[in-house]
Amino acid sequence: MAFLRNLMGSVLKFIYEGVASILPNEPSSISYLAISIIIISIIFKVVLFPIFLSSIKNQKIQAKFAKEQQKIREKYKHDPQAMNLKLMEFNKEHGIKQLGGCLPMIFNFILVIAMFAVMGEPLLYIFGDKNADVMKNFLWIKDLSVPDPLIYGLPLINAITQYIYFDLSNRDQQDNPAAKSMETMKYIFPLIIFISAKRFSAGLALYWAMTNIVEILLRLALTAYENRKMSKE
């Protein structure tokens, strides 16, 4: 944890100094710190894009063969060992990676934990000084190290973007019977995010909102590209 926290702090400091050199006059409404958080969220998504793309492709393959997988489950429902063996053989034959869709979530979780630790005391973990004279505001938020004062501010943005992301993700799994159980999570998880964002630092909420927005844009861009490709064929 300490390593991730220090690494995240160092990366944020590097970005902060870069932003400060490009913009000599710090904007009054959006601090260098807020800009740095927005930039780092975009950078992480770009770096993780190959994993994100691989996960999307794996989801589409799973959706394509979902009915065949369900037939195997029905056929061997009284013999779990045989069912698991047949599913493993089927997945291997068709290039389905069972944990392929989990990798982006694992990486996102690690990054969120690191950001959570840093944004608790950003002056200490980014600048090495609790008393550093640094602006920490973002629009209506005066201090990104404390929760958003507006109940319908970043917490609501987080919940809405999380819902949209879940909705876009589930569209690729409409033919997958196993994915139907995730439908309720489309409503529950955004609610959890909303409640959490009200309690955690606004800096973390800003980071989470930006990652959601970037992922939504990536999914929309990929869908548009695939539709255009199919129309040409």
Protein backbone atom coordinates (compact mmCIF):
# COMPACT_ATOMS: atom_id res chain seq x y z
CA MET A 1 0.00 0.00 0.00
CA ALA A 2 2.78 2.44 0.94
CA PHE A 3 4.54 1.76 -2.36
CA LEU A 4 1.39 2.39 -4.42
CA ARG A 5 0.55 5.50 -2.41
CA ASN A 6 4.04 6.95 -2.85
CA LEU A 7 4.09 6.05 -6.54
CA MET A 8 0.71 7.69 -7.12
CA GLY A 9 1.88 10.76 -5.21
CA SER A 10 5.06 10.99 -7.29
CA VAL A 11 3.16 10.69 -10.58
CA LEU A 12 0.68 13.37 -9.49
CA LYS A 13 3.53 15.66 -8.48
CA PHE A 14 5.20 15.18 -11.87
CA ILE A 15 1.95 16.02 -13.67
CA TYR A 16 1.30 18.95 -11.31
CA GLU A 17 4.70 20.46 -12.09
CA GLY A 18 4.10 19.94 -15.81
CA VAL A 19 0.73 21.69 -15.64
CA ALA A 20 2.24 24.56 -13.63
CA SER A 21 4.97 25.05 -16.24
CA ILE A 22 2.44 25.11 -19.10
CA LEU A 23 -0.03 27.36 -17.24
CA PRO A 24 2.06 29.91 -15.29
CA ASN A 25 -1.10 31.54 -13.95
CA GLU A 26 -3.20 29.05 -11.97
CA PRO A 27 -6.91 29.27 -12.90
CA SER A 28 -8.98 30.59 -10.02
CA SER A 29 -11.81 28.08 -10.48
CA ILE A 30 -9.80 24.93 -11.22
CA SER A 31 -6.57 24.36 -9.33
CA TYR A 32 -3.45 22.71 -10.71
CA LEU A 33 -4.25 19.79 -8.41
CA ALA A 34 -7.70 19.30 -9.94
CA ILE A 35 -6.25 19.47 -13.45
CA SER A 36 -3.59 16.93 -12.44
CA ILE A 37 -6.25 14.50 -11.17
CA ILE A 38 -8.17 14.82 -14.44
CA ILE A 39 -5.01 14.25 -16.49
CA ILE A 40 -3.85 11.22 -14.46
CA SER A 41 -7.26 9.56 -14.85
CA ILE A 42 -7.01 9.97 -18.64
CA ILE A 43 -3.40 8.73 -18.71
CA PHE A 44 -4.27 5.58 -16.75
CA LYS A 45 -7.15 4.78 -19.09
CA VAL A 46 -4.94 5.25 -22.15
CA VAL A 47 -2.23 3.02 -20.64
CA LEU A 48 -4.79 0.34 -19.74
CA PHE A 49 -6.58 0.60 -23.09
CA PRO A 50 -5.10 -2.67 -24.50
CA ILE A 51 -6.41 -4.56 -21.45
CA PHE A 52 -9.74 -2.74 -21.73
CA LEU A 53 -10.00 -3.66 -25.43
CA SER A 54 -9.11 -7.29 -24.74
CA SER A 55 -11.81 -7.41 -22.05
CA ILE A 56 -14.41 -6.01 -24.46
CA LYS A 57 -13.52 -8.60 -27.10
CA ASN A 58 -13.72 -11.38 -24.52
CA GLN A 59 -17.17 -10.19 -23.42
CA LYS A 60 -18.39 -10.26 -27.01
CA ILE A 61 -17.07 -13.80 -27.50
CA GLN A 62 -18.78 -14.91 -24.28
CA ALA A 63 -22.05 -13.36 -25.43
CA LYS A 64 -21.74 -15.11 -28.79
CA PHE A 65 -21.40 -18.56 -27.22
CA ALA A 66 -23.57 -17.95 -24.14
CA LYS A 67 -26.40 -20.21 -25.31
CA GLU A 68 -24.01 -23.09 -26.01
CA GLN A 69 -22.50 -22.67 -22.55
CA GLN A 70 -25.96 -22.72 -21.01
CA LYS A 71 -26.75 -25.98 -22.82
CA ILE A 72 -23.65 -27.54 -21.27
CA ARG A 73 -24.74 -26.35 -17.82
CA GLU A 74 -28.19 -27.84 -18.31
CA LYS A 75 -26.84 -31.13 -19.63
CA TYR A 76 -24.41 -31.66 -16.75
CA LYS A 77 -26.28 -29.86 -13.97
CA HIS A 78 -26.31 -33.02 -11.84
CA ASP A 79 -22.56 -33.52 -12.26
CA PRO A 80 -20.75 -30.26 -11.36
CA GLN A 81 -17.31 -31.76 -11.91
CA ALA A 82 -18.15 -32.90 -15.43
CA MET A 83 -19.88 -29.58 -16.14
CA ASN A 84 -16.81 -27.56 -15.13
CA LEU A 85 -14.56 -29.80 -17.21
CA LYS A 86 -16.78 -29.47 -20.29
CA LEU A 87 -17.02 -25.70 -19.85
CA MET A 88 -13.24 -25.43 -19.56
CA GLU A 89 -12.82 -27.44 -22.76
CA PHE A 90 -15.46 -25.36 -24.54
CA ASN A 91 -13.91 -22.07 -23.44
CA LYS A 92 -10.43 -23.19 -24.47
CA GLU A 93 -11.69 -24.30 -27.87
CA HIS A 94 -13.36 -20.94 -28.56
CA GLY A 95 -10.73 -18.71 -26.95
CA ILE A 96 -12.89 -17.59 -24.03
CA LYS A 97 -10.94 -16.34 -21.02
CA GLN A 98 -12.97 -16.69 -17.85
CA LEU A 99 -11.00 -14.02 -15.98
CA GLY A 100 -10.48 -11.81 -19.03
CA GLY A 101 -13.25 -9.42 -18.03
CA CYS A 102 -11.93 -9.09 -14.49
CA LEU A 103 -8.52 -7.63 -15.31
CA PRO A 104 -9.70 -4.03 -15.89
CA MET A 105 -11.64 -4.14 -12.61
CA ILE A 106 -8.60 -5.43 -10.73
CA PHE A 107 -6.34 -2.69 -12.10
CA ASN A 108 -9.01 -0.04 -11.48
CA PHE A 109 -9.43 -1.23 -7.89
CA ILE A 110 -5.68 -1.00 -7.24
CA LEU A 111 -5.52 2.53 -8.68
CA VAL A 112 -8.58 3.67 -6.71
CA ILE A 113 -7.07 2.36 -3.46
CA ALA A 114 -3.84 4.24 -4.19
CA MET A 115 -5.74 7.43 -5.05
CA PHE A 116 -7.87 7.05 -1.92
CA ALA A 117 -4.73 6.99 0.23
CA VAL A 118 -3.15 9.97 -1.53
CA MET A 119 -6.24 12.20 -1.54
CA GLY A 120 -6.69 11.77 2.20
CA GLU A 121 -3.61 13.98 2.65
CA PRO A 122 -2.60 15.23 -0.81
CA LEU A 123 -0.16 17.84 0.48
CA LEU A 124 1.80 15.20 2.37
CA TYR A 125 1.85 12.43 -0.24
CA ILE A 126 2.25 14.64 -3.33
CA PHE A 127 4.38 17.50 -2.03
CA GLY A 128 5.87 15.96 1.11
CA ASP A 129 4.65 18.82 3.29
CA LYS A 130 1.31 18.97 5.12
CA ASN A 131 1.57 22.75 5.23
CA ALA A 132 2.43 23.33 1.57
CA ASP A 133 0.77 26.41 0.11
CA VAL A 134 -1.22 24.72 -2.65
CA MET A 135 -4.68 25.46 -4.00
CA LYS A 136 -7.01 22.45 -3.83
CA ASN A 137 -10.22 23.80 -5.34
CA PHE A 138 -12.34 22.55 -8.23
CA LEU A 139 -15.25 24.71 -9.38
CA TRP A 140 -17.64 24.77 -6.38
CA ILE A 141 -15.35 22.60 -4.22
CA LYS A 142 -12.88 24.56 -2.10
CA ASP A 143 -10.85 21.59 -0.89
CA LEU A 144 -10.48 18.32 -2.82
CA SER A 145 -9.12 16.53 0.25
CA VAL A 146 -12.55 16.63 1.94
CA PRO A 147 -15.97 15.37 0.73
CA ASP A 148 -17.93 17.38 -1.82
CA PRO A 149 -20.15 19.84 0.12
CA LEU A 150 -22.96 19.49 -2.43
CA ILE A 151 -25.02 16.31 -2.22
CA TYR A 152 -25.88 16.63 -5.92
CA GLY A 153 -22.34 17.47 -7.02
CA LEU A 154 -19.68 14.87 -7.76
CA PRO A 155 -21.55 12.07 -5.92
CA LEU A 156 -24.45 12.38 -8.36
CA ILE A 157 -22.11 12.66 -11.35
CA ASN A 158 -20.37 9.48 -10.17
CA ALA A 159 -23.66 7.61 -9.83
CA ILE A 160 -24.98 8.70 -13.23
CA THR A 161 -21.76 7.92 -15.12
CA GLN A 162 -21.49 4.56 -13.33
CA TYR A 163 -25.05 3.69 -14.39
CA ILE A 164 -24.33 4.65 -18.01
CA TYR A 165 -21.15 2.57 -17.99
CA PHE A 166 -22.99 -0.49 -16.62
CA ASP A 167 -25.77 -0.03 -19.16
CA LEU A 168 -23.32 0.11 -22.07
CA SER A 169 -21.46 -2.92 -20.74
CA ASN A 170 -24.64 -4.99 -20.40
CA ARG A 171 -25.67 -4.30 -24.00
CA ASP A 172 -22.90 -6.61 -25.17
CA GLN A 173 -24.21 -9.35 -22.87
CA GLN A 174 -27.92 -9.28 -23.71
CA ASP A 175 -27.84 -12.82 -25.08
CA ASN A 176 -25.92 -14.16 -22.11
CA PRO A 177 -28.28 -15.79 -19.55
CA ALA A 178 -25.62 -15.57 -16.84
CA ALA A 179 -25.32 -11.82 -17.34
CA LYS A 180 -28.99 -11.23 -16.57
CA SER A 181 -28.22 -11.57 -12.88
CA MET A 182 -26.02 -8.48 -13.25
CA GLU A 183 -28.99 -6.38 -14.30
CA THR A 184 -29.81 -5.46 -10.70
CA MET A 185 -26.20 -4.36 -10.17
CA LYS A 186 -26.81 -1.67 -12.76
CA TYR A 187 -28.98 0.05 -10.15
CA ILE A 188 -27.36 -1.08 -6.90
CA PHE A 189 -23.73 -0.26 -7.70
CA PRO A 190 -24.36 3.38 -8.74
CA LEU A 191 -26.27 3.83 -5.46
CA ILE A 192 -23.29 2.44 -3.52
CA ILE A 193 -20.98 4.78 -5.45
CA PHE A 194 -23.25 7.75 -4.67
CA ILE A 195 -23.23 7.02 -0.93
CA SER A 196 -19.47 6.39 -0.91
CA ALA A 197 -18.67 9.56 -2.89
CA LYS A 198 -20.52 11.60 -0.25
CA ARG A 199 -18.14 10.34 2.43
CA PHE A 200 -14.79 10.12 0.61
CA SER A 201 -12.58 12.99 -0.53
CA ALA A 202 -13.79 15.04 -3.49
CA GLY A 203 -10.44 14.38 -5.18
CA LEU A 204 -11.19 10.65 -5.26
CA ALA A 205 -14.73 11.35 -6.50
CA LEU A 206 -13.32 13.55 -9.28
CA TYR A 207 -10.89 10.80 -10.29
CA TRP A 208 -13.67 8.18 -10.31
CA ALA A 209 -16.00 10.39 -12.35
CA MET A 210 -13.30 11.08 -14.94
CA THR A 211 -12.43 7.38 -15.32
CA ASN A 212 -16.12 6.61 -15.85
CA ILE A 213 -16.44 9.34 -18.47
CA VAL A 214 -13.33 8.17 -20.34
CA GLU A 215 -14.52 4.53 -20.31
CA ILE A 216 -17.95 5.58 -21.59
CA LEU A 217 -16.36 7.54 -24.44
CA LEU A 218 -14.10 4.60 -25.29
CA ARG A 219 -17.05 2.19 -25.40
CA LEU A 220 -19.08 4.55 -27.58
CA ALA A 221 -16.11 5.04 -29.92
CA LEU A 222 -15.56 1.28 -30.21
CA THR A 223 -19.25 0.65 -30.86
CA ALA A 224 -19.33 3.35 -33.55
CA TYR A 225 -16.20 1.89 -35.17
CA GLU A 226 -17.62 -1.64 -35.19
CA ASN A 227 -20.96 -0.48 -36.60
CA ARG A 228 -19.20 1.43 -39.36
CA LYS A 229 -17.03 -1.60 -40.11
CA MET A 230 -20.09 -3.88 -40.30
CA SER A 231 -21.95 -1.46 -42.59
CA LYS A 232 -19.03 -1.48 -45.05
CA GLU A 233 -19.02 -5.27 -45.10
